[in-house]
């Protein structure tokens, strides 16, 4: 347990930021999972809608520094590639 006042404050800030970061990462995971689920169900319309949400969540996470920009770009690219394959298949 921290003794100094500044260390106590830093501990409070860290716990608050940890909660926020976990929430953002959770939305990234859930939106990408929903997108992949829609792709496997061959539902192009819902897949594109979920992709937009996933893209937004990935961009926010990259902007906050939770994931690297290249990681976000790679994940968006792979999802987009799968959606394009689904759309052209029909």
PDB file of N, CA and C in Angstrom:
ATOM      1  N   UNK A   1       0.845  -1.179   0.000  1.00  0.00           N
ATOM      2  CA  UNK A   1       0.000   0.000   0.000  1.00  0.00           C
ATOM      3  C   UNK A   1       0.886   1.237   0.000  1.00  0.00           C
ATOM      4  N   UNK A   2       0.607   2.186  -0.878  1.00  0.00           N
ATOM      5  CA  UNK A   2       1.443   3.390  -0.946  1.00  0.00           C
ATOM      6  C   UNK A   2       1.298   4.262   0.302  1.00  0.00           C
ATOM      7  N   UNK A   3       2.387   4.926   0.644  1.00  0.00           N
ATOM      8  CA  UNK A   3       2.410   5.778   1.824  1.00  0.00           C
ATOM      9  C   UNK A   3       2.252   7.255   1.465  1.00  0.00           C
ATOM     10  N   UNK A   4       2.896   7.649   0.370  1.00  0.00           N
ATOM     11  CA  UNK A   4       2.874   9.062  -0.009  1.00  0.00           C
ATOM     12  C   UNK A   4       1.555   9.416  -0.696  1.00  0.00           C
ATOM     13  N   UNK A   5       1.191  10.675  -0.578  1.00  0.00           N
ATOM     14  CA  UNK A   5      -0.060  11.152  -1.145  1.00  0.00           C
ATOM     15  C   UNK A   5      -0.076  11.029  -2.668  1.00  0.00           C
ATOM     16  N   UNK A   6       1.050  11.370  -3.296  1.00  0.00           N
ATOM     17  CA  UNK A   6       1.109  11.297  -4.758  1.00  0.00           C
ATOM     18  C   UNK A   6       1.011   9.853  -5.241  1.00  0.00           C
ATOM     19  N   UNK A   7       1.588   8.928  -4.484  1.00  0.00           N
ATOM     20  CA  UNK A   7       1.505   7.517  -4.853  1.00  0.00           C
ATOM     21  C   UNK A   7       0.077   7.002  -4.709  1.00  0.00           C
ATOM     22  N   UNK A   8      -0.626   7.480  -3.695  1.00  0.00           N
ATOM     23  CA  UNK A   8      -2.028   7.090  -3.515  1.00  0.00           C
ATOM     24  C   UNK A   8      -2.884   7.603  -4.670  1.00  0.00           C
ATOM     25  N   UNK A   9      -2.617   8.831  -5.081  1.00  0.00           N
ATOM     26  CA  UNK A   9      -3.357   9.413  -6.203  1.00  0.00           C
ATOM     27  C   UNK A   9      -3.072   8.624  -7.478  1.00  0.00           C
ATOM     28  N   UNK A  10      -1.799   8.289  -7.695  1.00  0.00           N
ATOM     29  CA  UNK A  10      -1.426   7.536  -8.884  1.00  0.00           C
ATOM     30  C   UNK A  10      -2.128   6.179  -8.903  1.00  0.00           C
ATOM     31  N   UNK A  11      -2.275   5.587  -7.742  1.00  0.00           N
ATOM     32  CA  UNK A  11      -2.958   4.303  -7.649  1.00  0.00           C
ATOM     33  C   UNK A  11      -4.436   4.441  -8.027  1.00  0.00           C
ATOM     34  N   UNK A  12      -5.078   5.508  -7.576  1.00  0.00           N
ATOM     35  CA  UNK A  12      -6.479   5.745  -7.935  1.00  0.00           C
ATOM     36  C   UNK A  12      -6.622   5.967  -9.436  1.00  0.00           C
ATOM     37  N   UNK A  13      -5.720   6.758  -9.989  1.00  0.00           N
ATOM     38  CA  UNK A  13      -5.762   7.053 -11.424  1.00  0.00           C
ATOM     39  C   UNK A  13      -5.562   5.776 -12.228  1.00  0.00           C
ATOM     40  N   UNK A  14      -4.626   4.949 -11.797  1.00  0.00           N
ATOM     41  CA  UNK A  14      -4.335   3.708 -12.503  1.00  0.00           C
ATOM     42  C   UNK A  14      -5.536   2.773 -12.510  1.00  0.00           C
ATOM     43  N   UNK A  15      -6.196   2.645 -11.377  1.00  0.00           N
ATOM     44  CA  UNK A  15      -7.363   1.759 -11.338  1.00  0.00           C
ATOM     45  C   UNK A  15      -8.488   2.286 -12.214  1.00  0.00           C
ATOM     46  N   UNK A  16      -8.667   3.601 -12.244  1.00  0.00           N
ATOM     47  CA  UNK A  16      -9.705   4.199 -13.080  1.00  0.00           C
ATOM     48  C   UNK A  16      -9.393   3.979 -14.559  1.00  0.00           C
ATOM     49  N   UNK A  17      -8.140   4.190 -14.946  1.00  0.00           N
ATOM     50  CA  UNK A  17      -7.759   4.007 -16.349  1.00  0.00           C
ATOM     51  C   UNK A  17      -7.825   2.544 -16.759  1.00  0.00           C
ATOM     52  N   UNK A  18      -7.511   1.644 -15.832  1.00  0.00           N
ATOM     53  CA  UNK A  18      -7.576   0.220 -16.128  1.00  0.00           C
ATOM     54  C   UNK A  18      -8.998  -0.196 -16.481  1.00  0.00           C
ATOM     55  N   UNK A  19      -9.957   0.310 -15.753  1.00  0.00           N
ATOM     56  CA  UNK A  19     -11.365  -0.009 -16.020  1.00  0.00           C
ATOM     57  C   UNK A  19     -11.769   0.500 -17.402  1.00  0.00           C
ATOM     58  N   UNK A  20     -11.373   1.724 -17.718  1.00  0.00           N
ATOM     59  CA  UNK A  20     -11.713   2.315 -19.012  1.00  0.00           C
ATOM     60  C   UNK A  20     -11.068   1.529 -20.146  1.00  0.00           C
ATOM     61  N   UNK A  21      -9.778   1.184 -19.980  1.00  0.00           N
ATOM     62  CA  UNK A  21      -9.061   0.450 -21.019  1.00  0.00           C
ATOM     63  C   UNK A  21      -9.662  -0.933 -21.242  1.00  0.00           C
ATOM     64  N   UNK A  22     -10.058  -1.598 -20.173  1.00  0.00           N
ATOM     65  CA  UNK A  22     -10.676  -2.920 -20.316  1.00  0.00           C
ATOM     66  C   UNK A  22     -12.004  -2.823 -21.053  1.00  0.00           C
ATOM     67  N   UNK A  23     -12.749  -1.766 -20.795  1.00  0.00           N
ATOM     68  CA  UNK A  23     -14.031  -1.582 -21.473  1.00  0.00           C
ATOM     69  C   UNK A  23     -13.814  -1.383 -22.974  1.00  0.00           C
ATOM     70  N   UNK A  24     -12.845  -0.567 -23.335  1.00  0.00           N
ATOM     71  CA  UNK A  24     -12.572  -0.309 -24.748  1.00  0.00           C
ATOM     72  C   UNK A  24     -12.092  -1.580 -25.437  1.00  0.00           C
ATOM     73  N   UNK A  25     -11.178  -2.312 -24.795  1.00  0.00           N
ATOM     74  CA  UNK A  25     -10.693  -3.557 -25.384  1.00  0.00           C
ATOM     75  C   UNK A  25     -11.820  -4.584 -25.506  1.00  0.00           C
ATOM     76  N   UNK A  26     -12.723  -4.581 -24.550  1.00  0.00           N
ATOM     77  CA  UNK A  26     -13.862  -5.492 -24.610  1.00  0.00           C
ATOM     78  C   UNK A  26     -14.771  -5.189 -25.784  1.00  0.00           C
ATOM     79  N   UNK A  27     -14.994  -3.902 -26.055  1.00  0.00           N
ATOM     80  CA  UNK A  27     -15.831  -3.544 -27.202  1.00  0.00           C
ATOM     81  C   UNK A  27     -15.153  -3.933 -28.509  1.00  0.00           C
ATOM     82  N   UNK A  28     -13.828  -3.807 -28.558  1.00  0.00           N
ATOM     83  CA  UNK A  28     -13.095  -4.211 -29.762  1.00  0.00           C
ATOM     84  C   UNK A  28     -13.287  -5.705 -29.995  1.00  0.00           C
ATOM     85  N   UNK A  29     -13.103  -6.488 -28.951  1.00  0.00           N
ATOM     86  CA  UNK A  29     -13.236  -7.939 -29.087  1.00  0.00           C
ATOM     87  C   UNK A  29     -14.661  -8.343 -29.450  1.00  0.00           C
ATOM     88  N   UNK A  30     -15.643  -7.740 -28.794  1.00  0.00           N
ATOM     89  CA  UNK A  30     -17.029  -8.135 -29.049  1.00  0.00           C
ATOM     90  C   UNK A  30     -17.481  -7.740 -30.453  1.00  0.00           C
ATOM     91  N   UNK A  31     -17.089  -6.561 -30.914  1.00  0.00           N
ATOM     92  CA  UNK A  31     -17.521  -6.141 -32.251  1.00  0.00           C
ATOM     93  C   UNK A  31     -16.850  -6.968 -33.345  1.00  0.00           C
ATOM     94  N   UNK A  32     -15.571  -7.292 -33.167  1.00  0.00           N
ATOM     95  CA  UNK A  32     -14.912  -8.128 -34.171  1.00  0.00           C
ATOM     96  C   UNK A  32     -15.501  -9.539 -34.164  1.00  0.00           C
ATOM     97  N   UNK A  33     -15.839 -10.025 -32.990  1.00  0.00           N
ATOM     98  CA  UNK A  33     -16.439 -11.356 -32.889  1.00  0.00           C
ATOM     99  C   UNK A  33     -17.810 -11.384 -33.565  1.00  0.00           C
ATOM    100  N   UNK A  34     -18.609 -10.343 -33.357  1.00  0.00           N
ATOM    101  CA  UNK A  34     -19.925 -10.265 -33.997  1.00  0.00           C
ATOM    102  C   UNK A  34     -19.788 -10.167 -35.513  1.00  0.00           C
ATOM    103  N   UNK A  35     -18.775  -9.444 -35.970  1.00  0.00           N
ATOM    104  CA  UNK A  35     -18.544  -9.328 -37.408  1.00  0.00           C
ATOM    105  C   UNK A  35     -18.196 -10.685 -38.002  1.00  0.00           C
ATOM    106  N   UNK A  36     -17.286 -11.398 -37.354  1.00  0.00           N
ATOM    107  CA  UNK A  36     -16.901 -12.720 -37.845  1.00  0.00           C
ATOM    108  C   UNK A  36     -18.077 -13.698 -37.798  1.00  0.00           C
ATOM    109  N   UNK A  37     -18.909 -13.564 -36.789  1.00  0.00           N
ATOM    110  CA  UNK A  37     -20.097 -14.404 -36.673  1.00  0.00           C
ATOM    111  C   UNK A  37     -21.055 -14.152 -37.834  1.00  0.00           C
ATOM    112  N   UNK A  38     -21.242 -12.889 -38.185  1.00  0.00           N
ATOM    113  CA  UNK A  38     -22.120 -12.542 -39.304  1.00  0.00           C
ATOM    114  C   UNK A  38     -21.541 -13.047 -40.622  1.00  0.00           C
ATOM    115  N   UNK A  39     -20.217 -13.027 -40.731  1.00  0.00           N
ATOM    116  CA  UNK A  39     -19.573 -13.517 -41.952  1.00  0.00           C
ATOM    117  C   UNK A  39     -19.770 -15.023 -42.081  1.00  0.00           C
ATOM    118  N   UNK A  40     -19.601 -15.753 -40.977  1.00  0.00           N
ATOM    119  CA  UNK A  40     -19.781 -17.206 -41.037  1.00  0.00           C
ATOM    120  C   UNK A  40     -21.233 -17.590 -41.301  1.00  0.00           C
ATOM    121  N   UNK A  41     -22.171 -16.730 -40.906  1.00  0.00           N
ATOM    122  CA  UNK A  41     -23.587 -16.978 -41.187  1.00  0.00           C
ATOM    123  C   UNK A  41     -23.983 -16.531 -42.589  1.00  0.00           C
ATOM    124  N   UNK A  42     -23.047 -16.016 -43.351  1.00  0.00           N
ATOM    125  CA  UNK A  42     -23.254 -15.543 -44.728  1.00  0.00           C
ATOM    126  C   UNK A  42     -24.300 -14.445 -44.803  1.00  0.00           C
ATOM    127  N   UNK A  43     -24.310 -13.579 -43.819  1.00  0.00           N
ATOM    128  CA  UNK A  43     -25.233 -12.449 -43.794  1.00  0.00           C
ATOM    129  C   UNK A  43     -24.446 -11.178 -44.110  1.00  0.00           C
ATOM    130  N   UNK A  44     -24.460 -10.787 -45.375  1.00  0.00           N
ATOM    131  CA  UNK A  44     -23.630  -9.669 -45.828  1.00  0.00           C
ATOM    132  C   UNK A  44     -24.067  -8.340 -45.226  1.00  0.00           C
ATOM    133  N   UNK A  45     -25.365  -8.140 -45.103  1.00  0.00           N
ATOM    134  CA  UNK A  45     -25.863  -6.859 -44.606  1.00  0.00           C
ATOM    135  C   UNK A  45     -25.449  -6.624 -43.153  1.00  0.00           C
ATOM    136  N   UNK A  46     -25.700  -7.605 -42.298  1.00  0.00           N
ATOM    137  CA  UNK A  46     -25.328  -7.430 -40.888  1.00  0.00           C
ATOM    138  C   UNK A  46     -23.811  -7.441 -40.716  1.00  0.00           C
ATOM    139  N   UNK A  47     -23.101  -8.147 -41.595  1.00  0.00           N
ATOM    140  CA  UNK A  47     -21.641  -8.173 -41.519  1.00  0.00           C
ATOM    141  C   UNK A  47     -21.063  -6.790 -41.796  1.00  0.00           C
ATOM    142  N   UNK A  48     -21.629  -6.094 -42.784  1.00  0.00           N
ATOM    143  CA  UNK A  48     -21.125  -4.752 -43.079  1.00  0.00           C
ATOM    144  C   UNK A  48     -21.469  -3.771 -41.965  1.00  0.00           C
ATOM    145  N   UNK A  49     -22.650  -3.933 -41.367  1.00  0.00           N
ATOM    146  CA  UNK A  49     -23.026  -3.055 -40.250  1.00  0.00           C
ATOM    147  C   UNK A  49     -22.118  -3.285 -39.044  1.00  0.00           C
ATOM    148  N   UNK A  50     -21.856  -4.550 -38.742  1.00  0.00           N
ATOM    149  CA  UNK A  50     -20.981  -4.869 -37.611  1.00  0.00           C
ATOM    150  C   UNK A  50     -19.539  -4.459 -37.902  1.00  0.00           C
ATOM    151  N   UNK A  51     -19.151  -4.536 -39.178  1.00  0.00           N
ATOM    152  CA  UNK A  51     -17.796  -4.112 -39.546  1.00  0.00           C
ATOM    153  C   UNK A  51     -17.600  -2.626 -39.274  1.00  0.00           C
ATOM    154  N   UNK A  52     -18.619  -1.829 -39.545  1.00  0.00           N
ATOM    155  CA  UNK A  52     -18.518  -0.391 -39.277  1.00  0.00           C
ATOM    156  C   UNK A  52     -18.304  -0.131 -37.792  1.00  0.00           C
ATOM    157  N   UNK A  53     -19.025  -0.886 -36.952  1.00  0.00           N
ATOM    158  CA  UNK A  53     -18.855  -0.738 -35.505  1.00  0.00           C
ATOM    159  C   UNK A  53     -17.463  -1.190 -35.068  1.00  0.00           C
ATOM    160  N   UNK A  54     -17.002  -2.293 -35.642  1.00  0.00           N
ATOM    161  CA  UNK A  54     -15.677  -2.809 -35.294  1.00  0.00           C
ATOM    162  C   UNK A  54     -14.586  -1.843 -35.737  1.00  0.00           C
ATOM    163  N   UNK A  55     -14.772  -1.260 -36.903  1.00  0.00           N
ATOM    164  CA  UNK A  55     -13.804  -0.298 -37.421  1.00  0.00           C
ATOM    165  C   UNK A  55     -13.703   0.908 -36.488  1.00  0.00           C
ATOM    166  N   UNK A  56     -14.829   1.385 -36.032  1.00  0.00           N
ATOM    167  CA  UNK A  56     -14.852   2.524 -35.116  1.00  0.00           C
ATOM    168  C   UNK A  56     -14.160   2.173 -33.796  1.00  0.00           C
ATOM    169  N   UNK A  57     -14.460   0.986 -33.277  1.00  0.00           N
ATOM    170  CA  UNK A  57     -13.858   0.565 -32.008  1.00  0.00           C
ATOM    171  C   UNK A  57     -12.350   0.382 -32.141  1.00  0.00           C
ATOM    172  N   UNK A  58     -11.911  -0.186 -33.262  1.00  0.00           N
ATOM    173  CA  UNK A  58     -10.474  -0.378 -33.483  1.00  0.00           C
ATOM    174  C   UNK A  58      -9.754   0.958 -33.608  1.00  0.00           C
ATOM    175  N   UNK A  59     -10.367   1.894 -34.316  1.00  0.00           N
ATOM    176  CA  UNK A  59      -9.755   3.213 -34.464  1.00  0.00           C
ATOM    177  C   UNK A  59      -9.643   3.933 -33.123  1.00  0.00           C
ATOM    178  N   UNK A  60     -10.675   3.821 -32.302  1.00  0.00           N
ATOM    179  CA  UNK A  60     -10.632   4.461 -30.986  1.00  0.00           C
ATOM    180  C   UNK A  60      -9.552   3.842 -30.108  1.00  0.00           C
ATOM    181  N   UNK A  61      -9.446   2.517 -30.154  1.00  0.00           N
ATOM    182  CA  UNK A  61      -8.433   1.836 -29.346  1.00  0.00           C
ATOM    183  C   UNK A  61      -7.028   2.214 -29.807  1.00  0.00           C
ATOM    184  N   UNK A  62      -6.849   2.356 -31.116  1.00  0.00           N
ATOM    185  CA  UNK A  62      -5.542   2.754 -31.636  1.00  0.00           C
ATOM    186  C   UNK A  62      -5.230   4.202 -31.271  1.00  0.00           C
ATOM    187  N   UNK A  63      -6.243   5.033 -31.295  1.00  0.00           N
ATOM    188  CA  UNK A  63      -6.059   6.442 -30.953  1.00  0.00           C
ATOM    189  C   UNK A  63      -5.678   6.603 -29.483  1.00  0.00           C
ATOM    190  N   UNK A  64      -6.274   5.778 -28.620  1.00  0.00           N
ATOM    191  CA  UNK A  64      -5.982   5.840 -27.188  1.00  0.00           C
ATOM    192  C   UNK A  64      -4.640   5.193 -26.849  1.00  0.00           C
ATOM    193  N   UNK A  65      -4.095   4.414 -27.783  1.00  0.00           N
ATOM    194  CA  UNK A  65      -2.818   3.756 -27.534  1.00  0.00           C
ATOM    195  C   UNK A  65      -2.964   2.380 -26.908  1.00  0.00           C
ATOM    196  N   UNK A  66      -4.167   1.828 -26.918  1.00  0.00           N
ATOM    197  CA  UNK A  66      -4.372   0.495 -26.354  1.00  0.00           C
ATOM    198  C   UNK A  66      -3.836  -0.585 -27.276  1.00  0.00           C
ATOM    199  N   UNK A  67      -3.990  -0.371 -28.571  1.00  0.00           N
ATOM    200  CA  UNK A  67      -3.367  -1.237 -29.561  1.00  0.00           C
ATOM    201  C   UNK A  67      -2.621  -0.343 -30.539  1.00  0.00           C
ATOM    202  N   UNK A  68      -1.647  -0.920 -31.223  1.00  0.00           N
ATOM    203  CA  UNK A  68      -0.871  -0.121 -32.165  1.00  0.00           C
ATOM    204  C   UNK A  68      -1.685   0.155 -33.427  1.00  0.00           C
ATOM    205  N   UNK A  69      -1.314   1.223 -34.110  1.00  0.00           N
ATOM    206  CA  UNK A  69      -2.048   1.619 -35.315  1.00  0.00           C
ATOM    207  C   UNK A  69      -1.980   0.544 -36.386  1.00  0.00           C
ATOM    208  N   UNK A  70      -0.816  -0.072 -36.531  1.00  0.00           N
ATOM    209  CA  UNK A  70      -0.678  -1.119 -37.544  1.00  0.00           C
ATOM    210  C   UNK A  70      -1.526  -2.339 -37.208  1.00  0.00           C
ATOM    211  N   UNK A  71      -1.655  -2.646 -35.933  1.00  0.00           N
ATOM    212  CA  UNK A  71      -2.496  -3.769 -35.514  1.00  0.00           C
ATOM    213  C   UNK A  71      -3.952  -3.497 -35.868  1.00  0.00           C
ATOM    214  N   UNK A  72      -4.400  -2.288 -35.601  1.00  0.00           N
ATOM    215  CA  UNK A  72      -5.777  -1.919 -35.939  1.00  0.00           C
ATOM    216  C   UNK A  72      -5.987  -1.978 -37.449  1.00  0.00           C
ATOM    217  N   UNK A  73      -5.027  -1.470 -38.195  1.00  0.00           N
ATOM    218  CA  UNK A  73      -5.137  -1.476 -39.653  1.00  0.00           C
ATOM    219  C   UNK A  73      -5.163  -2.906 -40.188  1.00  0.00           C
ATOM    220  N   UNK A  74      -4.336  -3.764 -39.618  1.00  0.00           N
ATOM    221  CA  UNK A  74      -4.284  -5.159 -40.058  1.00  0.00           C
ATOM    222  C   UNK A  74      -5.604  -5.871 -39.782  1.00  0.00           C
ATOM    223  N   UNK A  75      -6.156  -5.667 -38.601  1.00  0.00           N
ATOM    224  CA  UNK A  75      -7.424  -6.318 -38.255  1.00  0.00           C
ATOM    225  C   UNK A  75      -8.560  -5.818 -39.137  1.00  0.00           C
ATOM    226  N   UNK A  76      -8.595  -4.503 -39.382  1.00  0.00           N
ATOM    227  CA  UNK A  76      -9.633  -3.944 -40.255  1.00  0.00           C
ATOM    228  C   UNK A  76      -9.497  -4.498 -41.666  1.00  0.00           C
ATOM    229  N   UNK A  77      -8.271  -4.602 -42.135  1.00  0.00           N
ATOM    230  CA  UNK A  77      -8.026  -5.095 -43.481  1.00  0.00           C
ATOM    231  C   UNK A  77      -8.483  -6.543 -43.633  1.00  0.00           C
ATOM    232  N   UNK A  78      -8.179  -7.363 -42.641  1.00  0.00           N
ATOM    233  CA  UNK A  78      -8.566  -8.769 -42.713  1.00  0.00           C
ATOM    234  C   UNK A  78     -10.081  -8.946 -42.658  1.00  0.00           C
ATOM    235  N   UNK A  79     -10.733  -8.166 -41.818  1.00  0.00           N
ATOM    236  CA  UNK A  79     -12.195  -8.233 -41.759  1.00  0.00           C
ATOM    237  C   UNK A  79     -12.815  -7.774 -43.076  1.00  0.00           C
ATOM    238  N   UNK A  80     -12.284  -6.687 -43.619  1.00  0.00           N
ATOM    239  CA  UNK A  80     -12.803  -6.144 -44.874  1.00  0.00           C
ATOM    240  C   UNK A  80     -12.616  -7.139 -46.013  1.00  0.00           C
ATOM    241  N   UNK A  81     -11.491  -7.821 -46.012  1.00  0.00           N
ATOM    242  CA  UNK A  81     -11.216  -8.816 -47.047  1.00  0.00           C
ATOM    243  C   UNK A  81     -12.245  -9.947 -46.996  1.00  0.00           C
ATOM    244  N   UNK A  82     -12.574 -10.396 -45.793  1.00  0.00           N
ATOM    245  CA  UNK A  82     -13.554 -11.473 -45.642  1.00  0.00           C
ATOM    246  C   UNK A  82     -14.949 -11.022 -46.070  1.00  0.00           C
ATOM    247  N   UNK A  83     -15.279  -9.777 -45.766  1.00  0.00           N
ATOM    248  CA  UNK A  83     -16.591  -9.253 -46.164  1.00  0.00           C
ATOM    249  C   UNK A  83     -16.679  -9.135 -47.679  1.00  0.00           C
ATOM    250  N   UNK A  84     -15.611  -8.681 -48.317  1.00  0.00           N
ATOM    251  CA  UNK A  84     -15.610  -8.572 -49.779  1.00  0.00           C
ATOM    252  C   UNK A  84     -15.764  -9.938 -50.428  1.00  0.00           C
ATOM    253  N   UNK A  85     -15.111 -10.959 -49.866  1.00  0.00           N
ATOM    254  CA  UNK A  85     -15.262 -12.315 -50.393  1.00  0.00           C
ATOM    255  C   UNK A  85     -16.710 -12.785 -50.264  1.00  0.00           C
ATOM    256  N   UNK A  86     -17.335 -12.442 -49.145  1.00  0.00           N
ATOM    257  CA  UNK A  86     -18.727 -12.826 -48.912  1.00  0.00           C
ATOM    258  C   UNK A  86     -19.659 -12.147 -49.909  1.00  0.00           C
ATOM    259  N   UNK A  87     -19.424 -10.867 -50.158  1.00  0.00           N
ATOM    260  CA  UNK A  87     -20.290 -10.104 -51.062  1.00  0.00           C
ATOM    261  C   UNK A  87     -20.114 -10.573 -52.503  1.00  0.00           C
ATOM    262  N   UNK A  88     -18.882 -10.824 -52.928  1.00  0.00           N
ATOM    263  CA  UNK A  88     -18.649 -11.233 -54.312  1.00  0.00           C
ATOM    264  C   UNK A  88     -19.067 -12.677 -54.555  1.00  0.00           C
ATOM    265  N   UNK A  89     -19.135 -13.464 -53.502  1.00  0.00           N
ATOM    266  CA  UNK A  89     -19.541 -14.858 -53.639  1.00  0.00           C
ATOM    267  C   UNK A  89     -20.999 -14.974 -54.055  1.00  0.00           C
ATOM    268  N   UNK A  90     -21.825 -14.029 -53.597  1.00  0.00           N
ATOM    269  CA  UNK A  90     -23.264 -14.083 -53.895  1.00  0.00           C
ATOM    270  C   UNK A  90     -23.599 -13.545 -55.245  1.00  0.00           C
TER     271      UNK A  90
END
